[in-house]
PDB file of N, CA and C in Angstrom:
ATOM      1  N   MET A   1      11.687 -10.626   4.796  1.00  0.00           N
ATOM      2  CA  MET A   1      11.000 -10.210   4.072  1.00  0.00           C
ATOM      3  C   MET A   1      11.363 -11.256   3.081  1.00  0.00           C
ATOM      4  N   SER A   2      10.655 -12.426   2.163  1.00  0.00           N
ATOM      5  CA  SER A   2      10.733 -13.108   1.208  1.00  0.00           C
ATOM      6  C   SER A   2      11.175 -12.219  -0.524  1.00  0.00           C
ATOM      7  N   GLU A   3      11.894 -12.986  -0.944  1.00  0.00           N
ATOM      8  CA  GLU A   3      12.229 -12.230  -2.054  1.00  0.00           C
ATOM      9  C   GLU A   3      11.282 -12.111  -3.374  1.00  0.00           C
ATOM     10  N   VAL A   4       9.640 -12.410  -3.285  1.00  0.00           N
ATOM     11  CA  VAL A   4       8.780 -12.547  -4.152  1.00  0.00           C
ATOM     12  C   VAL A   4       8.241 -11.154  -3.308  1.00  0.00           C
ATOM     13  N   ILE A   5       7.903 -10.680  -2.575  1.00  0.00           N
ATOM     14  CA  ILE A   5       7.422  -9.505  -1.643  1.00  0.00           C
ATOM     15  C   ILE A   5       8.020  -8.907  -2.177  1.00  0.00           C
ATOM     16  N   LYS A   6       9.486  -8.488  -1.690  1.00  0.00           N
ATOM     17  CA  LYS A   6      10.620  -7.278  -2.089  1.00  0.00           C
ATOM     18  C   LYS A   6      10.396  -7.167  -3.188  1.00  0.00           C
ATOM     19  N   ASP A   7      10.154  -7.647  -4.482  1.00  0.00           N
ATOM     20  CA  ASP A   7      10.418  -7.455  -5.484  1.00  0.00           C
ATOM     21  C   ASP A   7       8.938  -7.241  -6.171  1.00  0.00           C
ATOM     22  N   LYS A   8       7.946  -7.101  -5.561  1.00  0.00           N
ATOM     23  CA  LYS A   8       6.419  -6.921  -6.208  1.00  0.00           C
ATOM     24  C   LYS A   8       6.473  -5.599  -6.620  1.00  0.00           C
ATOM     25  N   TYR A   9       6.988  -4.353  -5.619  1.00  0.00           N
ATOM     26  CA  TYR A   9       7.004  -3.105  -6.522  1.00  0.00           C
ATOM     27  C   TYR A   9       8.264  -2.754  -5.937  1.00  0.00           C
ATOM     28  N   SER A  10       8.272  -1.921  -6.875  1.00  0.00           N
ATOM     29  CA  SER A  10       9.209  -0.896  -6.922  1.00  0.00           C
ATOM     30  C   SER A  10       9.713   0.757  -6.396  1.00  0.00           C
ATOM     31  N   LYS A  11      10.616   1.472  -6.005  1.00  0.00           N
ATOM     32  CA  LYS A  11      10.394   2.122  -5.870  1.00  0.00           C
ATOM     33  C   LYS A  11       9.607   3.266  -6.909  1.00  0.00           C
ATOM     34  N   ASP A  12       8.803   4.505  -6.267  1.00  0.00           N
ATOM     35  CA  ASP A  12       8.249   4.976  -7.514  1.00  0.00           C
ATOM     36  C   ASP A  12       7.156   4.869  -7.927  1.00  0.00           C
ATOM     37  N   ASP A  13       6.396   3.481  -7.957  1.00  0.00           N
ATOM     38  CA  ASP A  13       5.450   2.773  -8.002  1.00  0.00           C
ATOM     39  C   ASP A  13       4.264   3.395  -7.525  1.00  0.00           C
ATOM     40  N   ILE A  14       3.423   4.132  -8.135  1.00  0.00           N
ATOM     41  CA  ILE A  14       1.625   4.159  -8.165  1.00  0.00           C
ATOM     42  C   ILE A  14       1.627   2.981  -7.469  1.00  0.00           C
ATOM     43  N   VAL A  15       0.422   2.922  -6.438  1.00  0.00           N
ATOM     44  CA  VAL A  15      -0.205   1.745  -5.951  1.00  0.00           C
ATOM     45  C   VAL A  15      -1.769   2.616  -5.180  1.00  0.00           C
ATOM     46  N   TRP A  16      -2.767   1.706  -5.171  1.00  0.00           N
ATOM     47  CA  TRP A  16      -3.625   1.492  -4.203  1.00  0.00           C
ATOM     48  C   TRP A  16      -3.303   1.154  -2.479  1.00  0.00           C
ATOM     49  N   TYR A  17      -3.875   2.014  -1.865  1.00  0.00           N
ATOM     50  CA  TYR A  17      -3.383   1.641  -0.284  1.00  0.00           C
ATOM     51  C   TYR A  17      -4.585   1.206   0.531  1.00  0.00           C
ATOM     52  N   TYR A  18      -5.147   0.178   0.671  1.00  0.00           N
ATOM     53  CA  TYR A  18      -6.335  -0.104   1.426  1.00  0.00           C
ATOM     54  C   TYR A  18      -6.132  -0.532   2.967  1.00  0.00           C
ATOM     55  N   PRO A  19      -6.259   0.507   3.599  1.00  0.00           N
ATOM     56  CA  PRO A  19      -5.678   0.061   5.200  1.00  0.00           C
ATOM     57  C   PRO A  19      -6.720  -1.053   5.977  1.00  0.00           C
ATOM     58  N   PHE A  20      -8.486  -1.220   5.393  1.00  0.00           N
ATOM     59  CA  PHE A  20      -8.993  -2.815   5.998  1.00  0.00           C
ATOM     60  C   PHE A  20      -9.584  -3.522   5.134  1.00  0.00           C
ATOM     61  N   PRO A  21      -8.274  -4.270   4.155  1.00  0.00           N
ATOM     62  CA  PRO A  21      -8.671  -4.998   3.186  1.00  0.00           C
ATOM     63  C   PRO A  21      -9.488  -6.605   3.205  1.00  0.00           C
ATOM     64  N   ASN A  22      -9.290  -6.726   4.816  1.00  0.00           N
ATOM     65  CA  ASN A  22     -10.325  -7.890   5.404  1.00  0.00           C
ATOM     66  C   ASN A  22     -11.474  -7.506   6.395  1.00  0.00           C
ATOM     67  N   ASP A  23     -11.690  -6.480   6.195  1.00  0.00           N
ATOM     68  CA  ASP A  23     -12.754  -5.864   7.187  1.00  0.00           C
ATOM     69  C   ASP A  23     -14.427  -6.026   6.879  1.00  0.00           C
ATOM     70  N   THR A  24     -15.388  -6.738   7.792  1.00  0.00           N
ATOM     71  CA  THR A  24     -16.618  -7.198   7.630  1.00  0.00           C
ATOM     72  C   THR A  24     -17.482  -6.180   6.871  1.00  0.00           C
ATOM     73  N   SER A  25     -16.857  -5.170   7.217  1.00  0.00           N
ATOM     74  CA  SER A  25     -17.777  -3.632   6.365  1.00  0.00           C
ATOM     75  C   SER A  25     -17.398  -3.802   5.058  1.00  0.00           C
ATOM     76  N   GLN A  26     -18.456  -3.522   4.473  1.00  0.00           N
ATOM     77  CA  GLN A  26     -18.105  -2.808   2.461  1.00  0.00           C
ATOM     78  C   GLN A  26     -17.550  -1.783   3.134  1.00  0.00           C
ATOM     79  N   SER A  27     -17.939  -0.615   3.639  1.00  0.00           N
ATOM     80  CA  SER A  27     -17.390   0.702   3.427  1.00  0.00           C
ATOM     81  C   SER A  27     -15.959   0.756   3.776  1.00  0.00           C
ATOM     82  N   LEU A  28     -15.683   0.084   4.985  1.00  0.00           N
ATOM     83  CA  LEU A  28     -13.916  -0.116   5.388  1.00  0.00           C
ATOM     84  C   LEU A  28     -13.064  -0.747   4.668  1.00  0.00           C
ATOM     85  N   LYS A  29     -14.170  -1.831   4.317  1.00  0.00           N
ATOM     86  CA  LYS A  29     -12.906  -2.965   3.292  1.00  0.00           C
ATOM     87  C   LYS A  29     -12.601  -2.120   1.635  1.00  0.00           C
ATOM     88  N   ASN A  30     -13.977  -1.216   1.387  1.00  0.00           N
ATOM     89  CA  ASN A  30     -13.510  -0.293  -0.143  1.00  0.00           C
ATOM     90  C   ASN A  30     -12.754   1.222   0.189  1.00  0.00           C
ATOM     91  N   THR A  31     -11.892   0.860   1.608  1.00  0.00           N
ATOM     92  CA  THR A  31     -11.075   2.265   1.663  1.00  0.00           C
ATOM     93  C   THR A  31     -10.068   2.100   0.988  1.00  0.00           C
ATOM     94  N   ARG A  32      -9.807   3.117   0.211  1.00  0.00           N
ATOM     95  CA  ARG A  32      -8.375   3.420  -0.424  1.00  0.00           C
ATOM     96  C   ARG A  32      -7.762   4.062  -0.638  1.00  0.00           C
ATOM     97  N   TYR A  33      -6.555   4.357  -1.020  1.00  0.00           N
ATOM     98  CA  TYR A  33      -6.147   5.833  -0.945  1.00  0.00           C
ATOM     99  C   TYR A  33      -4.596   5.870  -1.981  1.00  0.00           C
ATOM    100  N   LYS A  34      -4.682   6.400  -2.715  1.00  0.00           N
ATOM    101  CA  LYS A  34      -3.857   6.630  -3.814  1.00  0.00           C
ATOM    102  C   LYS A  34      -2.030   6.996  -3.225  1.00  0.00           C
ATOM    103  N   ALA A  35      -1.305   6.203  -3.165  1.00  0.00           N
ATOM    104  CA  ALA A  35       0.084   6.333  -2.782  1.00  0.00           C
ATOM    105  C   ALA A  35       1.319   6.140  -3.696  1.00  0.00           C
ATOM    106  N   VAL A  36       2.778   6.250  -3.592  1.00  0.00           N
ATOM    107  CA  VAL A  36       3.733   6.158  -4.427  1.00  0.00           C
ATOM    108  C   VAL A  36       4.963   5.217  -2.955  1.00  0.00           C
ATOM    109  N   VAL A  37       5.538   4.381  -3.554  1.00  0.00           N
ATOM    110  CA  VAL A  37       6.374   3.507  -2.813  1.00  0.00           C
ATOM    111  C   VAL A  37       6.775   4.054  -2.601  1.00  0.00           C
ATOM    112  N   LEU A  38       8.361   4.314  -1.759  1.00  0.00           N
ATOM    113  CA  LEU A  38       8.867   5.224  -1.585  1.00  0.00           C
ATOM    114  C   LEU A  38       9.940   4.289  -1.602  1.00  0.00           C
ATOM    115  N   ASN A  39      10.293   2.854  -0.442  1.00  0.00           N
ATOM    116  CA  ASN A  39      11.263   1.995  -0.856  1.00  0.00           C
ATOM    117  C   ASN A  39      10.346   0.329  -0.098  1.00  0.00           C
ATOM    118  N   ALA A  40      11.491  -0.623  -0.324  1.00  0.00           N
ATOM    119  CA  ALA A  40      10.793  -1.674   0.442  1.00  0.00           C
ATOM    120  C   ALA A  40      11.594  -1.771   1.659  1.00  0.00           C
ATOM    121  N   ILE A  41      11.137  -2.472   2.934  1.00  0.00           N
ATOM    122  CA  ILE A  41      12.265  -2.843   4.376  1.00  0.00           C
ATOM    123  C   ILE A  41      12.332  -4.001   4.088  1.00  0.00           C
ATOM    124  N   GLU A  42      13.882  -3.437   4.499  1.00  0.00           N
ATOM    125  CA  GLU A  42      14.643  -5.456   4.122  1.00  0.00           C
ATOM    126  C   GLU A  42      14.290  -5.863   5.769  1.00  0.00           C
ATOM    127  N   ASP A  43      14.606  -5.661   6.535  1.00  0.00           N
ATOM    128  CA  ASP A  43      14.892  -6.024   8.133  1.00  0.00           C
ATOM    129  C   ASP A  43      13.565  -5.382   9.046  1.00  0.00           C
ATOM    130  N   ASP A  44      12.644  -6.135   8.497  1.00  0.00           N
ATOM    131  CA  ASP A  44      11.428  -5.986   9.654  1.00  0.00           C
ATOM    132  C   ASP A  44      10.559  -7.126   9.454  1.00  0.00           C
ATOM    133  N   TYR A  45       9.950  -7.919  10.390  1.00  0.00           N
ATOM    134  CA  TYR A  45       9.323  -8.963   9.983  1.00  0.00           C
ATOM    135  C   TYR A  45       8.015  -8.802   9.651  1.00  0.00           C
ATOM    136  N   TYR A  46       7.687  -7.816   9.690  1.00  0.00           N
ATOM    137  CA  TYR A  46       5.935  -7.604   9.986  1.00  0.00           C
ATOM    138  C   TYR A  46       5.401  -6.772   8.648  1.00  0.00           C
ATOM    139  N   TYR A  47       6.645  -5.511   8.264  1.00  0.00           N
ATOM    140  CA  TYR A  47       5.860  -4.465   7.359  1.00  0.00           C
ATOM    141  C   TYR A  47       7.142  -4.847   6.217  1.00  0.00           C
ATOM    142  N   ASP A  48       6.790  -4.429   4.953  1.00  0.00           N
ATOM    143  CA  ASP A  48       7.103  -4.827   3.818  1.00  0.00           C
ATOM    144  C   ASP A  48       7.372  -3.806   3.103  1.00  0.00           C
ATOM    145  N   TYR A  49       7.207  -2.160   3.121  1.00  0.00           N
ATOM    146  CA  TYR A  49       7.087  -1.183   2.342  1.00  0.00           C
ATOM    147  C   TYR A  49       6.909   0.318   2.934  1.00  0.00           C
ATOM    148  N   VAL A  50       7.691   1.216   2.706  1.00  0.00           N
ATOM    149  CA  VAL A  50       7.772   2.365   2.803  1.00  0.00           C
ATOM    150  C   VAL A  50       6.552   3.000   2.003  1.00  0.00           C
ATOM    151  N   ILE A  51       5.377   3.744   2.174  1.00  0.00           N
ATOM    152  CA  ILE A  51       4.734   4.500   1.097  1.00  0.00           C
ATOM    153  C   ILE A  51       4.360   5.948   1.692  1.00  0.00           C
ATOM    154  N   TYR A  52       3.851   6.640   0.514  1.00  0.00           N
ATOM    155  CA  TYR A  52       3.531   8.075   0.854  1.00  0.00           C
ATOM    156  C   TYR A  52       2.250   8.263   0.260  1.00  0.00           C
ATOM    157  N   ILE A  53       1.145   8.700   1.201  1.00  0.00           N
ATOM    158  CA  ILE A  53      -0.513   8.772   0.598  1.00  0.00           C
ATOM    159  C   ILE A  53      -0.105   9.959   0.099  1.00  0.00           C
ATOM    160  N   ILE A  54      -0.462   9.633  -1.449  1.00  0.00           N
ATOM    161  CA  ILE A  54      -0.798  11.323  -2.097  1.00  0.00           C
ATOM    162  C   ILE A  54      -1.853  12.176  -1.974  1.00  0.00           C
ATOM    163  N   GLU A  55      -3.160  11.029  -1.610  1.00  0.00           N
ATOM    164  CA  GLU A  55      -3.766  12.041  -1.530  1.00  0.00           C
ATOM    165  C   GLU A  55      -4.055  12.915  -0.352  1.00  0.00           C
ATOM    166  N   GLU A  56      -4.872  13.739   0.069  1.00  0.00           N
ATOM    167  CA  GLU A  56      -4.635  15.594   0.731  1.00  0.00           C
ATOM    168  C   GLU A  56      -5.900  14.838   2.042  1.00  0.00           C
ATOM    169  N   ALA A  57      -6.483  13.579   1.732  1.00  0.00           N
ATOM    170  CA  ALA A  57      -7.698  13.586   3.192  1.00  0.00           C
ATOM    171  C   ALA A  57      -7.015  12.539   4.582  1.00  0.00           C
ATOM    172  N   HIS A  58      -5.762  11.917   3.701  1.00  0.00           N
ATOM    173  CA  HIS A  58      -5.083  10.965   5.309  1.00  0.00           C
ATOM    174  C   HIS A  58      -4.431  12.040   5.602  1.00  0.00           C
ATOM    175  N   PRO A  59      -4.826  11.885   7.141  1.00  0.00           N
ATOM    176  CA  PRO A  59      -3.862  12.654   8.145  1.00  0.00           C
ATOM    177  C   PRO A  59      -2.571  12.322   8.564  1.00  0.00           C
ATOM    178  N   ASN A  60      -2.075  11.110   7.796  1.00  0.00           N
ATOM    179  CA  ASN A  60      -0.490  10.625   8.091  1.00  0.00           C
ATOM    180  C   ASN A  60      -0.263   9.827   7.020  1.00  0.00           C
ATOM    181  N   ARG A  61       0.418  10.750   6.493  1.00  0.00           N
ATOM    182  CA  ARG A  61       0.530  10.689   4.754  1.00  0.00           C
ATOM    183  C   ARG A  61       2.035   9.373   4.770  1.00  0.00           C
ATOM    184  N   ARG A  62       2.717   9.005   5.574  1.00  0.00           N
ATOM    185  CA  ARG A  62       3.578   8.366   5.081  1.00  0.00           C
ATOM    186  C   ARG A  62       3.346   7.486   6.324  1.00  0.00           C
ATOM    187  N   LYS A  63       3.945   6.159   5.620  1.00  0.00           N
ATOM    188  CA  LYS A  63       3.089   4.620   6.440  1.00  0.00           C
ATOM    189  C   LYS A  63       3.864   3.638   5.976  1.00  0.00           C
ATOM    190  N   LYS A  64       4.453   2.809   7.118  1.00  0.00           N
ATOM    191  CA  LYS A  64       4.712   1.689   7.031  1.00  0.00           C
ATOM    192  C   LYS A  64       3.579   0.525   6.570  1.00  0.00           C
ATOM    193  N   VAL A  65       3.855  -0.375   5.707  1.00  0.00           N
ATOM    194  CA  VAL A  65       2.342  -0.902   5.061  1.00  0.00           C
ATOM    195  C   VAL A  65       3.168  -2.615   5.003  1.00  0.00           C
ATOM    196  N   ARG A  66       1.992  -3.727   4.795  1.00  0.00           N
ATOM    197  CA  ARG A  66       2.164  -4.985   4.103  1.00  0.00           C
ATOM    198  C   ARG A  66       2.004  -5.169   3.113  1.00  0.00           C
ATOM    199  N   VAL A  67       2.480  -6.003   2.277  1.00  0.00           N
ATOM    200  CA  VAL A  67       2.164  -6.100   0.672  1.00  0.00           C
ATOM    201  C   VAL A  67       0.366  -6.104  -0.094  1.00  0.00           C
ATOM    202  N   LYS A  68       0.029  -6.739   1.449  1.00  0.00           N
ATOM    203  CA  LYS A  68      -1.313  -7.209   1.313  1.00  0.00           C
ATOM    204  C   LYS A  68      -2.393  -5.776   1.388  1.00  0.00           C
ATOM    205  N   ASN A  69      -1.780  -4.721   1.880  1.00  0.00           N
ATOM    206  CA  ASN A  69      -2.704  -3.812   1.859  1.00  0.00           C
ATOM    207  C   ASN A  69      -2.431  -2.834   0.530  1.00  0.00           C
ATOM    208  N   LEU A  70      -1.437  -3.434  -0.345  1.00  0.00           N
ATOM    209  CA  LEU A  70      -1.468  -2.281  -1.702  1.00  0.00           C
ATOM    210  C   LEU A  70      -1.914  -3.018  -2.728  1.00  0.00           C
ATOM    211  N   VAL A  71      -2.089  -2.698  -3.545  1.00  0.00           N
ATOM    212  CA  VAL A  71      -2.732  -2.943  -5.004  1.00  0.00           C
ATOM    213  C   VAL A  71      -2.066  -2.101  -6.144  1.00  0.00           C
ATOM    214  N   VAL A  72      -1.880  -2.771  -7.230  1.00  0.00           N
ATOM    215  CA  VAL A  72      -1.336  -2.054  -8.554  1.00  0.00           C
ATOM    216  C   VAL A  72      -2.614  -1.129  -8.870  1.00  0.00           C
ATOM    217  N   TYR A  73      -1.634   0.251  -9.075  1.00  0.00           N
ATOM    218  CA  TYR A  73      -2.688   1.106  -9.864  1.00  0.00           C
ATOM    219  C   TYR A  73      -2.749   1.332 -10.999  1.00  0.00           C
ATOM    220  N   ARG A  74      -4.313   1.180 -11.144  1.00  0.00           N
ATOM    221  CA  ARG A  74      -4.114   1.181 -12.819  1.00  0.00           C
ATOM    222  C   ARG A  74      -5.675   2.431 -12.676  1.00  0.00           C
ATOM    223  N   GLY A  75      -5.282   3.963 -13.042  1.00  0.00           N
ATOM    224  CA  GLY A  75      -6.232   4.956 -13.008  1.00  0.00           C
ATOM    225  C   GLY A  75      -7.486   4.217 -11.788  1.00  0.00           C
ATOM    226  N   ASN A  76      -8.620   4.351 -11.966  1.00  0.00           N
ATOM    227  CA  ASN A  76      -9.930   3.630 -11.244  1.00  0.00           C
ATOM    228  C   ASN A  76      -9.872   2.286 -11.398  1.00  0.00           C
ATOM    229  N   GLU A  77      -9.293   1.591 -12.112  1.00  0.00           N
ATOM    230  CA  GLU A  77      -9.733   0.591 -12.193  1.00  0.00           C
ATOM    231  C   GLU A  77      -8.550  -0.224 -11.093  1.00  0.00           C
ATOM    232  N   VAL A  78      -9.166  -1.585 -10.379  1.00  0.00           N
ATOM    233  CA  VAL A  78      -8.519  -2.067  -9.882  1.00  0.00           C
ATOM    234  C   VAL A  78      -7.835  -3.638 -10.418  1.00  0.00           C
ATOM    235  N   GLU A  79      -6.538  -3.976 -10.305  1.00  0.00           N
ATOM    236  CA  GLU A  79      -6.563  -5.050 -10.506  1.00  0.00           C
ATOM    237  C   GLU A  79      -7.139  -6.628  -9.717  1.00  0.00           C
TER     238      GLU A  79
END
């Protein structure tokens, strides 16, 4: 993982997790879940972070994700 990606989010940062950021369907593309960053993954070439989804609606709350699926949380506004 590059240093830029590794340092983008810190442990305990609140983020929006977008499972389908590049989907052509607007309903899937706009699907998002509020999550907290648990830690950065150092030794994985595909995944960048481990997150925990705070919202009750998601069945698998602990996930390994790529940085492209995360956006800074600023209330309901998205950066």
